[in-house]
Full PDB file with SEQRES, HELIX, SHEET, SSBOND, CRYST1, ORIGX, SCALE, CONECT and MASTER records, all heavy atoms in Angstrom:
SEQRES   1 A   39  GLY ARG LEU GLY PRO PHE GLU LYS LEU ALA GLU LEU ALA          
SEQRES   2 A   39  SER ASN PHE THR SER SER PRO ALA PHE SER VAL PHE CYS          
SEQRES   3 A   39  VAL LEU LEU VAL ALA ALA PHE VAL VAL ALA HIS LEU ALA          
HELIX    1 AA1 PRO A    5  THR A   17  1                                  13    
HELIX    2 AA2 PRO A   20  LEU A   38  1                                  19    
CRYST1    1.000    1.000    1.000  90.00  90.00  90.00 P 1           1          
ORIGX1      1.000000  0.000000  0.000000        0.00000                         
ORIGX2      0.000000  1.000000  0.000000        0.00000                         
ORIGX3      0.000000  0.000000  1.000000        0.00000                         
SCALE1      1.000000  0.000000  0.000000        0.00000                         
SCALE2      0.000000  1.000000  0.000000        0.00000                         
SCALE3      0.000000  0.000000  1.000000        0.00000                         
ATOM      1  N   GLY A   1     -12.213 -33.522  93.503  1.00  0.00           N  
ATOM      2  CA  GLY A   1     -11.381 -33.032  92.497  1.00  0.00           C  
ATOM      3  C   GLY A   1     -11.365 -33.869  91.201  1.00  0.00           C  
ATOM      4  O   GLY A   1     -10.784 -33.561  90.198  1.00  0.00           O  
ATOM      5  N   ARG A   2     -11.998 -35.125  91.289  1.00  0.00           N  
ATOM      6  CA  ARG A   2     -12.011 -35.931  90.109  1.00  0.00           C  
ATOM      7  C   ARG A   2     -13.374 -35.935  89.459  1.00  0.00           C  
ATOM      8  O   ARG A   2     -14.455 -35.851  90.101  1.00  0.00           O  
ATOM      9  CB  ARG A   2     -11.716 -37.405  90.514  1.00  0.00           C  
ATOM     10  CG  ARG A   2     -10.314 -37.651  90.983  1.00  0.00           C  
ATOM     11  CD  ARG A   2     -10.036 -39.066  91.178  1.00  0.00           C  
ATOM     12  NE  ARG A   2     -11.313 -39.801  91.517  1.00  0.00           N  
ATOM     13  CZ  ARG A   2     -11.373 -40.851  92.251  1.00  0.00           C  
ATOM     14  NH1 ARG A   2     -10.272 -41.347  92.758  1.00  0.00           N  
ATOM     15  NH2 ARG A   2     -12.518 -41.482  92.548  1.00  0.00           N  
ATOM     16  N   LEU A   3     -13.383 -36.029  88.135  1.00  0.00           N  
ATOM     17  CA  LEU A   3     -14.621 -36.028  87.405  1.00  0.00           C  
ATOM     18  C   LEU A   3     -14.924 -37.470  87.007  1.00  0.00           C  
ATOM     19  O   LEU A   3     -14.039 -38.152  86.404  1.00  0.00           O  
ATOM     20  CB  LEU A   3     -14.537 -35.179  86.147  1.00  0.00           C  
ATOM     21  CG  LEU A   3     -14.445 -33.593  86.403  1.00  0.00           C  
ATOM     22  CD1 LEU A   3     -14.398 -32.955  85.031  1.00  0.00           C  
ATOM     23  CD2 LEU A   3     -15.617 -33.109  87.218  1.00  0.00           C  
ATOM     24  N   GLY A   4     -16.173 -37.922  87.235  1.00  0.00           N  
ATOM     25  CA  GLY A   4     -16.588 -39.239  86.727  1.00  0.00           C  
ATOM     26  C   GLY A   4     -16.992 -39.188  85.317  1.00  0.00           C  
ATOM     27  O   GLY A   4     -16.979 -38.069  84.652  1.00  0.00           O  
ATOM     28  N   PRO A   5     -17.394 -40.274  84.757  1.00  0.00           N  
ATOM     29  CA  PRO A   5     -17.802 -40.345  83.297  1.00  0.00           C  
ATOM     30  C   PRO A   5     -18.962 -39.420  83.015  1.00  0.00           C  
ATOM     31  O   PRO A   5     -18.894 -38.727  81.990  1.00  0.00           O  
ATOM     32  CB  PRO A   5     -18.203 -41.763  83.052  1.00  0.00           C  
ATOM     33  CG  PRO A   5     -17.676 -42.522  84.159  1.00  0.00           C  
ATOM     34  CD  PRO A   5     -17.458 -41.616  85.298  1.00  0.00           C  
ATOM     35  N   PHE A   6     -19.925 -39.353  83.855  1.00  0.00           N  
ATOM     36  CA  PHE A   6     -21.065 -38.425  83.613  1.00  0.00           C  
ATOM     37  C   PHE A   6     -20.672 -36.997  83.737  1.00  0.00           C  
ATOM     38  O   PHE A   6     -21.099 -36.150  82.950  1.00  0.00           O  
ATOM     39  CB  PHE A   6     -22.237 -38.667  84.603  1.00  0.00           C  
ATOM     40  CG  PHE A   6     -23.337 -37.737  84.398  1.00  0.00           C  
ATOM     41  CD1 PHE A   6     -24.256 -37.949  83.354  1.00  0.00           C  
ATOM     42  CD2 PHE A   6     -23.563 -36.685  85.220  1.00  0.00           C  
ATOM     43  CE1 PHE A   6     -25.302 -36.988  83.128  1.00  0.00           C  
ATOM     44  CE2 PHE A   6     -24.579 -35.812  85.054  1.00  0.00           C  
ATOM     45  CZ  PHE A   6     -25.456 -35.954  83.923  1.00  0.00           C  
ATOM     46  N   GLU A   7     -19.833 -36.667  84.723  1.00  0.00           N  
ATOM     47  CA  GLU A   7     -19.388 -35.292  84.865  1.00  0.00           C  
ATOM     48  C   GLU A   7     -18.520 -34.850  83.633  1.00  0.00           C  
ATOM     49  O   GLU A   7     -18.692 -33.637  83.232  1.00  0.00           O  
ATOM     50  CB  GLU A   7     -18.570 -35.159  86.165  1.00  0.00           C  
ATOM     51  CG  GLU A   7     -19.414 -35.194  87.426  1.00  0.00           C  
ATOM     52  CD  GLU A   7     -19.745 -36.598  87.808  1.00  0.00           C  
ATOM     53  OE1 GLU A   7     -19.166 -37.537  87.287  1.00  0.00           O  
ATOM     54  OE2 GLU A   7     -20.684 -36.717  88.634  1.00  0.00           O  
ATOM     55  N   LYS A   8     -17.721 -35.686  83.110  1.00  0.00           N  
ATOM     56  CA  LYS A   8     -16.920 -35.376  81.910  1.00  0.00           C  
ATOM     57  C   LYS A   8     -17.874 -35.165  80.779  1.00  0.00           C  
ATOM     58  O   LYS A   8     -17.697 -34.229  79.976  1.00  0.00           O  
ATOM     59  CB  LYS A   8     -15.936 -36.546  81.606  1.00  0.00           C  
ATOM     60  CG  LYS A   8     -14.794 -36.650  82.542  1.00  0.00           C  
ATOM     61  CD  LYS A   8     -13.917 -37.756  82.214  1.00  0.00           C  
ATOM     62  CE  LYS A   8     -12.739 -37.914  83.241  1.00  0.00           C  
ATOM     63  NZ  LYS A   8     -11.948 -39.081  82.978  1.00  0.00           N  
ATOM     64  N   LEU A   9     -18.851 -36.022  80.616  1.00  0.00           N  
ATOM     65  CA  LEU A   9     -19.833 -35.866  79.517  1.00  0.00           C  
ATOM     66  C   LEU A   9     -20.641 -34.588  79.662  1.00  0.00           C  
ATOM     67  O   LEU A   9     -20.829 -33.839  78.713  1.00  0.00           O  
ATOM     68  CB  LEU A   9     -20.754 -37.091  79.473  1.00  0.00           C  
ATOM     69  CG  LEU A   9     -21.903 -36.984  78.430  1.00  0.00           C  
ATOM     70  CD1 LEU A   9     -21.324 -36.991  77.021  1.00  0.00           C  
ATOM     71  CD2 LEU A   9     -22.944 -38.103  78.609  1.00  0.00           C  
ATOM     72  N   ALA A  10     -21.052 -34.289  80.902  1.00  0.00           N  
ATOM     73  CA  ALA A  10     -21.775 -33.105  81.170  1.00  0.00           C  
ATOM     74  C   ALA A  10     -20.915 -31.843  80.875  1.00  0.00           C  
ATOM     75  O   ALA A  10     -21.433 -30.860  80.336  1.00  0.00           O  
ATOM     76  CB  ALA A  10     -22.250 -33.090  82.597  1.00  0.00           C  
ATOM     77  N   GLU A  11     -19.626 -31.932  81.165  1.00  0.00           N  
ATOM     78  CA  GLU A  11     -18.802 -30.753  80.877  1.00  0.00           C  
ATOM     79  C   GLU A  11     -18.582 -30.632  79.434  1.00  0.00           C  
ATOM     80  O   GLU A  11     -18.701 -29.479  78.936  1.00  0.00           O  
ATOM     81  CB  GLU A  11     -17.396 -31.022  81.615  1.00  0.00           C  
ATOM     82  CG  GLU A  11     -16.509 -29.819  81.561  1.00  0.00           C  
ATOM     83  CD  GLU A  11     -16.999 -28.663  82.377  1.00  0.00           C  
ATOM     84  OE1 GLU A  11     -17.709 -28.900  83.395  1.00  0.00           O  
ATOM     85  OE2 GLU A  11     -16.664 -27.456  82.043  1.00  0.00           O  
ATOM     86  N   LEU A  12     -18.383 -31.645  78.678  1.00  0.00           N  
ATOM     87  CA  LEU A  12     -18.282 -31.582  77.212  1.00  0.00           C  
ATOM     88  C   LEU A  12     -19.548 -31.017  76.593  1.00  0.00           C  
ATOM     89  O   LEU A  12     -19.554 -30.212  75.711  1.00  0.00           O  
ATOM     90  CB  LEU A  12     -17.897 -32.942  76.629  1.00  0.00           C  
ATOM     91  CG  LEU A  12     -16.488 -33.449  76.822  1.00  0.00           C  
ATOM     92  CD1 LEU A  12     -16.360 -34.890  76.292  1.00  0.00           C  
ATOM     93  CD2 LEU A  12     -15.547 -32.540  76.044  1.00  0.00           C  
ATOM     94  N   ALA A  13     -20.651 -31.606  77.077  1.00  0.00           N  
ATOM     95  CA  ALA A  13     -21.968 -31.138  76.541  1.00  0.00           C  
ATOM     96  C   ALA A  13     -22.252 -29.644  76.918  1.00  0.00           C  
ATOM     97  O   ALA A  13     -22.738 -28.942  76.056  1.00  0.00           O  
ATOM     98  CB  ALA A  13     -23.104 -32.018  77.095  1.00  0.00           C  
ATOM     99  N   SER A  14     -21.779 -29.243  78.072  1.00  0.00           N  
ATOM    100  CA  SER A  14     -22.028 -27.842  78.430  1.00  0.00           C  
ATOM    101  C   SER A  14     -21.169 -26.977  77.567  1.00  0.00           C  
ATOM    102  O   SER A  14     -21.637 -25.904  77.118  1.00  0.00           O  
ATOM    103  CB  SER A  14     -21.623 -27.697  79.918  1.00  0.00           C  
ATOM    104  OG  SER A  14     -21.786 -26.345  80.338  1.00  0.00           O  
ATOM    105  N   ASN A  15     -19.948 -27.399  77.233  1.00  0.00           N  
ATOM    106  CA  ASN A  15     -19.078 -26.570  76.345  1.00  0.00           C  
ATOM    107  C   ASN A  15     -19.688 -26.564  74.938  1.00  0.00           C  
ATOM    108  O   ASN A  15     -19.711 -25.504  74.313  1.00  0.00           O  
ATOM    109  CB  ASN A  15     -17.674 -27.196  76.306  1.00  0.00           C  
ATOM    110  CG  ASN A  15     -16.967 -27.021  77.582  1.00  0.00           C  
ATOM    111  OD1 ASN A  15     -17.309 -26.140  78.380  1.00  0.00           O  
ATOM    112  ND2 ASN A  15     -15.934 -27.831  77.861  1.00  0.00           N  
ATOM    113  N   PHE A  16     -20.274 -27.678  74.483  1.00  0.00           N  
ATOM    114  CA  PHE A  16     -20.832 -27.677  73.180  1.00  0.00           C  
ATOM    115  C   PHE A  16     -22.094 -26.885  73.091  1.00  0.00           C  
ATOM    116  O   PHE A  16     -22.306 -26.110  72.137  1.00  0.00           O  
ATOM    117  CB  PHE A  16     -21.198 -29.146  72.734  1.00  0.00           C  
ATOM    118  CG  PHE A  16     -21.927 -29.233  71.432  1.00  0.00           C  
ATOM    119  CD1 PHE A  16     -21.391 -28.855  70.263  1.00  0.00           C  
ATOM    120  CD2 PHE A  16     -23.305 -29.610  71.447  1.00  0.00           C  
ATOM    121  CE1 PHE A  16     -22.071 -28.878  69.034  1.00  0.00           C  
ATOM    122  CE2 PHE A  16     -24.018 -29.686  70.225  1.00  0.00           C  
ATOM    123  CZ  PHE A  16     -23.422 -29.268  69.049  1.00  0.00           C  
ATOM    124  N   THR A  17     -22.940 -26.956  74.088  1.00  0.00           N  
ATOM    125  CA  THR A  17     -24.202 -26.215  74.074  1.00  0.00           C  
ATOM    126  C   THR A  17     -23.997 -24.705  74.212  1.00  0.00           C  
ATOM    127  O   THR A  17     -24.901 -23.878  73.923  1.00  0.00           O  
ATOM    128  CB  THR A  17     -25.174 -26.737  75.139  1.00  0.00           C  
ATOM    129  OG1 THR A  17     -24.520 -26.638  76.461  1.00  0.00           O  
ATOM    130  CG2 THR A  17     -25.601 -28.177  74.924  1.00  0.00           C  
ATOM    131  N   SER A  18     -22.830 -24.264  74.623  1.00  0.00           N  
ATOM    132  CA  SER A  18     -22.529 -22.833  74.741  1.00  0.00           C  
ATOM    133  C   SER A  18     -21.845 -22.352  73.472  1.00  0.00           C  
ATOM    134  O   SER A  18     -21.420 -21.238  73.427  1.00  0.00           O  
ATOM    135  CB  SER A  18     -21.746 -22.526  76.008  1.00  0.00           C  
ATOM    136  OG  SER A  18     -20.479 -23.151  75.952  1.00  0.00           O  
ATOM    137  N   SER A  19     -21.704 -23.232  72.510  1.00  0.00           N  
ATOM    138  CA  SER A  19     -21.010 -22.850  71.224  1.00  0.00           C  
ATOM    139  C   SER A  19     -21.982 -22.277  70.212  1.00  0.00           C  
ATOM    140  O   SER A  19     -23.190 -22.483  70.200  1.00  0.00           O  
ATOM    141  CB  SER A  19     -20.311 -24.063  70.638  1.00  0.00           C  
ATOM    142  OG  SER A  19     -21.245 -24.962  70.070  1.00  0.00           O  
ATOM    143  N   PRO A  20     -21.407 -21.508  69.255  1.00  0.00           N  
ATOM    144  CA  PRO A  20     -22.198 -20.958  68.129  1.00  0.00           C  
ATOM    145  C   PRO A  20     -22.824 -22.088  67.298  1.00  0.00           C  
ATOM    146  O   PRO A  20     -23.964 -21.907  66.805  1.00  0.00           O  
ATOM    147  CB  PRO A  20     -21.185 -20.150  67.309  1.00  0.00           C  
ATOM    148  CG  PRO A  20     -20.088 -19.863  68.228  1.00  0.00           C  
ATOM    149  CD  PRO A  20     -20.025 -20.988  69.210  1.00  0.00           C  
ATOM    150  N   ALA A  21     -22.181 -23.194  67.161  1.00  0.00           N  
ATOM    151  CA  ALA A  21     -22.682 -24.294  66.344  1.00  0.00           C  
ATOM    152  C   ALA A  21     -23.995 -24.794  66.973  1.00  0.00           C  
ATOM    153  O   ALA A  21     -24.972 -25.095  66.173  1.00  0.00           O  
ATOM    154  CB  ALA A  21     -21.688 -25.492  66.219  1.00  0.00           C  
ATOM    155  N   PHE A  22     -24.055 -24.963  68.277  1.00  0.00           N  
ATOM    156  CA  PHE A  22     -25.348 -25.351  68.891  1.00  0.00           C  
ATOM    157  C   PHE A  22     -26.416 -24.366  68.696  1.00  0.00           C  
ATOM    158  O   PHE A  22     -27.600 -24.702  68.501  1.00  0.00           O  
ATOM    159  CB  PHE A  22     -25.082 -25.688  70.370  1.00  0.00           C  
ATOM    160  CG  PHE A  22     -26.326 -26.258  70.961  1.00  0.00           C  
ATOM    161  CD1 PHE A  22     -26.692 -27.591  70.687  1.00  0.00           C  
ATOM    162  CD2 PHE A  22     -27.064 -25.532  71.886  1.00  0.00           C  
ATOM    163  CE1 PHE A  22     -27.831 -28.102  71.311  1.00  0.00           C  
ATOM    164  CE2 PHE A  22     -28.209 -26.037  72.462  1.00  0.00           C  
ATOM    165  CZ  PHE A  22     -28.627 -27.322  72.169  1.00  0.00           C  
ATOM    166  N   SER A  23     -26.062 -23.075  68.859  1.00  0.00           N  
ATOM    167  CA  SER A  23     -27.023 -22.027  68.594  1.00  0.00           C  
ATOM    168  C   SER A  23     -27.633 -22.094  67.199  1.00  0.00           C  
ATOM    169  O   SER A  23     -28.856 -21.926  67.022  1.00  0.00           O  
ATOM    170  CB  SER A  23     -26.429 -20.629  68.892  1.00  0.00           C  
ATOM    171  OG  SER A  23     -26.033 -20.484  70.218  1.00  0.00           O  
ATOM    172  N   VAL A  24     -26.803 -22.302  66.242  1.00  0.00           N  
ATOM    173  CA  VAL A  24     -27.263 -22.417  64.850  1.00  0.00           C  
ATOM    174  C   VAL A  24     -28.204 -23.658  64.752  1.00  0.00           C  
ATOM    175  O   VAL A  24     -29.285 -23.582  64.075  1.00  0.00           O  
ATOM    176  CB  VAL A  24     -26.043 -22.541  63.873  1.00  0.00           C  
ATOM    177  CG1 VAL A  24     -26.510 -22.980  62.507  1.00  0.00           C  
ATOM    178  CG2 VAL A  24     -25.296 -21.203  63.846  1.00  0.00           C  
ATOM    179  N   PHE A  25     -27.811 -24.772  65.355  1.00  0.00           N  
ATOM    180  CA  PHE A  25     -28.659 -25.984  65.343  1.00  0.00           C  
ATOM    181  C   PHE A  25     -30.041 -25.681  65.940  1.00  0.00           C  
ATOM    182  O   PHE A  25     -31.042 -26.105  65.325  1.00  0.00           O  
ATOM    183  CB  PHE A  25     -27.967 -27.121  66.149  1.00  0.00           C  
ATOM    184  CG  PHE A  25     -28.868 -28.303  66.384  1.00  0.00           C  
ATOM    185  CD1 PHE A  25     -29.156 -29.127  65.443  1.00  0.00           C  
ATOM    186  CD2 PHE A  25     -29.420 -28.504  67.665  1.00  0.00           C  
ATOM    187  CE1 PHE A  25     -30.012 -30.225  65.654  1.00  0.00           C  
ATOM    188  CE2 PHE A  25     -30.214 -29.545  67.921  1.00  0.00           C  
ATOM    189  CZ  PHE A  25     -30.538 -30.456  66.917  1.00  0.00           C  
ATOM    190  N   CYS A  26     -30.089 -24.968  67.019  1.00  0.00           N  
ATOM    191  CA  CYS A  26     -31.342 -24.692  67.694  1.00  0.00           C  
ATOM    192  C   CYS A  26     -32.238 -23.799  66.805  1.00  0.00           C  
ATOM    193  O   CYS A  26     -33.426 -23.926  66.692  1.00  0.00           O  
ATOM    194  CB  CYS A  26     -31.117 -23.980  69.028  1.00  0.00           C  
ATOM    195  SG  CYS A  26     -30.565 -25.174  70.283  1.00  0.00           S  
ATOM    196  N   VAL A  27     -31.623 -22.781  66.238  1.00  0.00           N  
ATOM    197  CA  VAL A  27     -32.349 -21.872  65.282  1.00  0.00           C  
ATOM    198  C   VAL A  27     -32.863 -22.626  64.103  1.00  0.00           C  
ATOM    199  O   VAL A  27     -33.961 -22.441  63.662  1.00  0.00           O  
ATOM    200  CB  VAL A  27     -31.425 -20.674  64.835  1.00  0.00           C  
ATOM    201  CG1 VAL A  27     -32.074 -19.889  63.666  1.00  0.00           C  
ATOM    202  CG2 VAL A  27     -31.122 -19.744  65.988  1.00  0.00           C  
ATOM    203  N   LEU A  28     -32.071 -23.556  63.576  1.00  0.00           N  
ATOM    204  CA  LEU A  28     -32.545 -24.362  62.445  1.00  0.00           C  
ATOM    205  C   LEU A  28     -33.660 -25.319  62.830  1.00  0.00           C  
ATOM    206  O   LEU A  28     -34.643 -25.493  62.055  1.00  0.00           O  
ATOM    207  CB  LEU A  28     -31.342 -25.227  61.858  1.00  0.00           C  
ATOM    208  CG  LEU A  28     -30.319 -24.385  61.097  1.00  0.00           C  
ATOM    209  CD1 LEU A  28     -29.135 -25.291  60.658  1.00  0.00           C  
ATOM    210  CD2 LEU A  28     -30.890 -23.658  59.932  1.00  0.00           C  
ATOM    211  N   LEU A  29     -33.561 -25.845  64.011  1.00  0.00           N  
ATOM    212  CA  LEU A  29     -34.652 -26.740  64.508  1.00  0.00           C  
ATOM    213  C   LEU A  29     -35.945 -25.964  64.676  1.00  0.00           C  
ATOM    214  O   LEU A  29     -37.029 -26.391  64.280  1.00  0.00           O  
ATOM    215  CB  LEU A  29     -34.222 -27.323  65.905  1.00  0.00           C  
ATOM    216  CG  LEU A  29     -35.174 -28.410  66.498  1.00  0.00           C  
ATOM    217  CD1 LEU A  29     -35.307 -29.556  65.501  1.00  0.00           C  
ATOM    218  CD2 LEU A  29     -34.584 -28.835  67.785  1.00  0.00           C  
ATOM    219  N   VAL A  30     -35.937 -24.790  65.243  1.00  0.00           N  
ATOM    220  CA  VAL A  30     -37.135 -23.887  65.385  1.00  0.00           C  
ATOM    221  C   VAL A  30     -37.589 -23.540  64.068  1.00  0.00           C  
ATOM    222  O   VAL A  30     -38.817 -23.497  63.792  1.00  0.00           O  
ATOM    223  CB  VAL A  30     -36.801 -22.711  66.320  1.00  0.00           C  
ATOM    224  CG1 VAL A  30     -37.947 -21.718  66.263  1.00  0.00           C  
ATOM    225  CG2 VAL A  30     -36.564 -23.145  67.736  1.00  0.00           C  
ATOM    226  N   ALA A  31     -36.695 -23.171  63.118  1.00  0.00           N  
ATOM    227  CA  ALA A  31     -37.089 -22.784  61.725  1.00  0.00           C  
ATOM    228  C   ALA A  31     -37.795 -23.938  61.112  1.00  0.00           C  
ATOM    229  O   ALA A  31     -38.811 -23.717  60.413  1.00  0.00           O  
ATOM    230  CB  ALA A  31     -35.916 -22.276  60.974  1.00  0.00           C  
ATOM    231  N   ALA A  32     -37.261 -25.133  61.273  1.00  0.00           N  
ATOM    232  CA  ALA A  32     -37.884 -26.276  60.621  1.00  0.00           C  
ATOM    233  C   ALA A  32     -39.297 -26.544  61.223  1.00  0.00           C  
ATOM    234  O   ALA A  32     -40.240 -26.870  60.513  1.00  0.00           O  
ATOM    235  CB  ALA A  32     -37.063 -27.574  60.884  1.00  0.00           C  
ATOM    236  N   PHE A  33     -39.479 -26.325  62.485  1.00  0.00           N  
ATOM    237  CA  PHE A  33     -40.787 -26.404  63.142  1.00  0.00           C  
ATOM    238  C   PHE A  33     -41.742 -25.407  62.521  1.00  0.00           C  
ATOM    239  O   PHE A  33     -42.887 -25.772  62.245  1.00  0.00           O  
ATOM    240  CB  PHE A  33     -40.589 -26.228  64.653  1.00  0.00           C  
ATOM    241  CG  PHE A  33     -41.938 -26.347  65.417  1.00  0.00           C  
ATOM    242  CD1 PHE A  33     -42.470 -27.671  65.680  1.00  0.00           C  
ATOM    243  CD2 PHE A  33     -42.511 -25.282  65.971  1.00  0.00           C  
ATOM    244  CE1 PHE A  33     -43.614 -27.758  66.392  1.00  0.00           C  
ATOM    245  CE2 PHE A  33     -43.662 -25.374  66.672  1.00  0.00           C  
ATOM    246  CZ  PHE A  33     -44.223 -26.599  66.890  1.00  0.00           C  
ATOM    247  N   VAL A  34     -41.274 -24.167  62.397  1.00  0.00           N  
ATOM    248  CA  VAL A  34     -42.151 -23.113  61.869  1.00  0.00           C  
ATOM    249  C   VAL A  34     -42.515 -23.470  60.416  1.00  0.00           C  
ATOM    250  O   VAL A  34     -43.675 -23.324  60.017  1.00  0.00           O  
ATOM    251  CB  VAL A  34     -41.509 -21.752  62.011  1.00  0.00           C  
ATOM    252  CG1 VAL A  34     -42.201 -20.708  61.160  1.00  0.00           C  
ATOM    253  CG2 VAL A  34     -41.363 -21.391  63.463  1.00  0.00           C  
ATOM    254  N   VAL A  35     -41.527 -23.867  59.621  1.00  0.00           N  
ATOM    255  CA  VAL A  35     -41.782 -24.173  58.239  1.00  0.00           C  
ATOM    256  C   VAL A  35     -42.761 -25.323  58.111  1.00  0.00           C  
ATOM    257  O   VAL A  35     -43.629 -25.301  57.230  1.00  0.00           O  
ATOM    258  CB  VAL A  35     -40.434 -24.504  57.471  1.00  0.00           C  
ATOM    259  CG1 VAL A  35     -40.676 -25.152  56.167  1.00  0.00           C  
ATOM    260  CG2 VAL A  35     -39.602 -23.248  57.332  1.00  0.00           C  
ATOM    261  N   ALA A  36     -42.593 -26.333  59.004  1.00  0.00           N  
ATOM    262  CA  ALA A  36     -43.548 -27.493  58.956  1.00  0.00           C  
ATOM    263  C   ALA A  36     -45.015 -27.030  59.227  1.00  0.00           C  
ATOM    264  O   ALA A  36     -45.906 -27.521  58.512  1.00  0.00           O  
ATOM    265  CB  ALA A  36     -43.113 -28.519  59.959  1.00  0.00           C  
ATOM    266  N   HIS A  37     -45.159 -26.000  60.079  1.00  0.00           N  
ATOM    267  CA  HIS A  37     -46.507 -25.529  60.304  1.00  0.00           C  
ATOM    268  C   HIS A  37     -47.002 -24.648  59.137  1.00  0.00           C  
ATOM    269  O   HIS A  37     -48.167 -24.782  58.710  1.00  0.00           O  
ATOM    270  CB  HIS A  37     -46.539 -24.763  61.577  1.00  0.00           C  
ATOM    271  CG  HIS A  37     -46.717 -25.546  62.833  1.00  0.00           C  
ATOM    272  ND1 HIS A  37     -47.888 -26.176  63.099  1.00  0.00           N  
ATOM    273  CD2 HIS A  37     -45.859 -25.883  63.810  1.00  0.00           C  
ATOM    274  CE1 HIS A  37     -47.765 -26.819  64.237  1.00  0.00           C  
ATOM    275  NE2 HIS A  37     -46.453 -26.639  64.666  1.00  0.00           N  
ATOM    276  N   LEU A  38     -46.135 -23.772  58.651  1.00  0.00           N  
ATOM    277  CA  LEU A  38     -46.547 -22.859  57.596  1.00  0.00           C  
ATOM    278  C   LEU A  38     -46.794 -23.612  56.316  1.00  0.00           C  
ATOM    279  O   LEU A  38     -47.643 -23.139  55.495  1.00  0.00           O  
ATOM    280  CB  LEU A  38     -45.516 -21.809  57.413  1.00  0.00           C  
ATOM    281  CG  LEU A  38     -45.383 -20.742  58.560  1.00  0.00           C  
ATOM    282  CD1 LEU A  38     -44.218 -19.771  58.267  1.00  0.00           C  
ATOM    283  CD2 LEU A  38     -46.690 -20.044  58.819  1.00  0.00           C  
ATOM    284  N   ALA A  39     -46.037 -24.630  56.021  1.00  0.00           N  
ATOM    285  CA  ALA A  39     -46.211 -25.390  54.799  1.00  0.00           C  
ATOM    286  C   ALA A  39     -47.375 -26.448  54.926  1.00  0.00           C  
ATOM    287  O   ALA A  39     -47.617 -27.157  53.945  1.00  0.00           O  
ATOM    288  CB  ALA A  39     -44.927 -26.139  54.429  1.00  0.00           C  
TER     289      ALA A  39                                                      
MASTER        0    0    0    2    0    0    0    6  288    1    0    3          
END                                                                             
């Protein structure tokens, strides 16, 4: 029933990665990759 430091970090990161902000970050990262190739 107790969460260690890694489990707490994993839970926070899991919450962040399921957020719209992270989705936007991923789309921007892929867009930057595509732009780097096209340019």
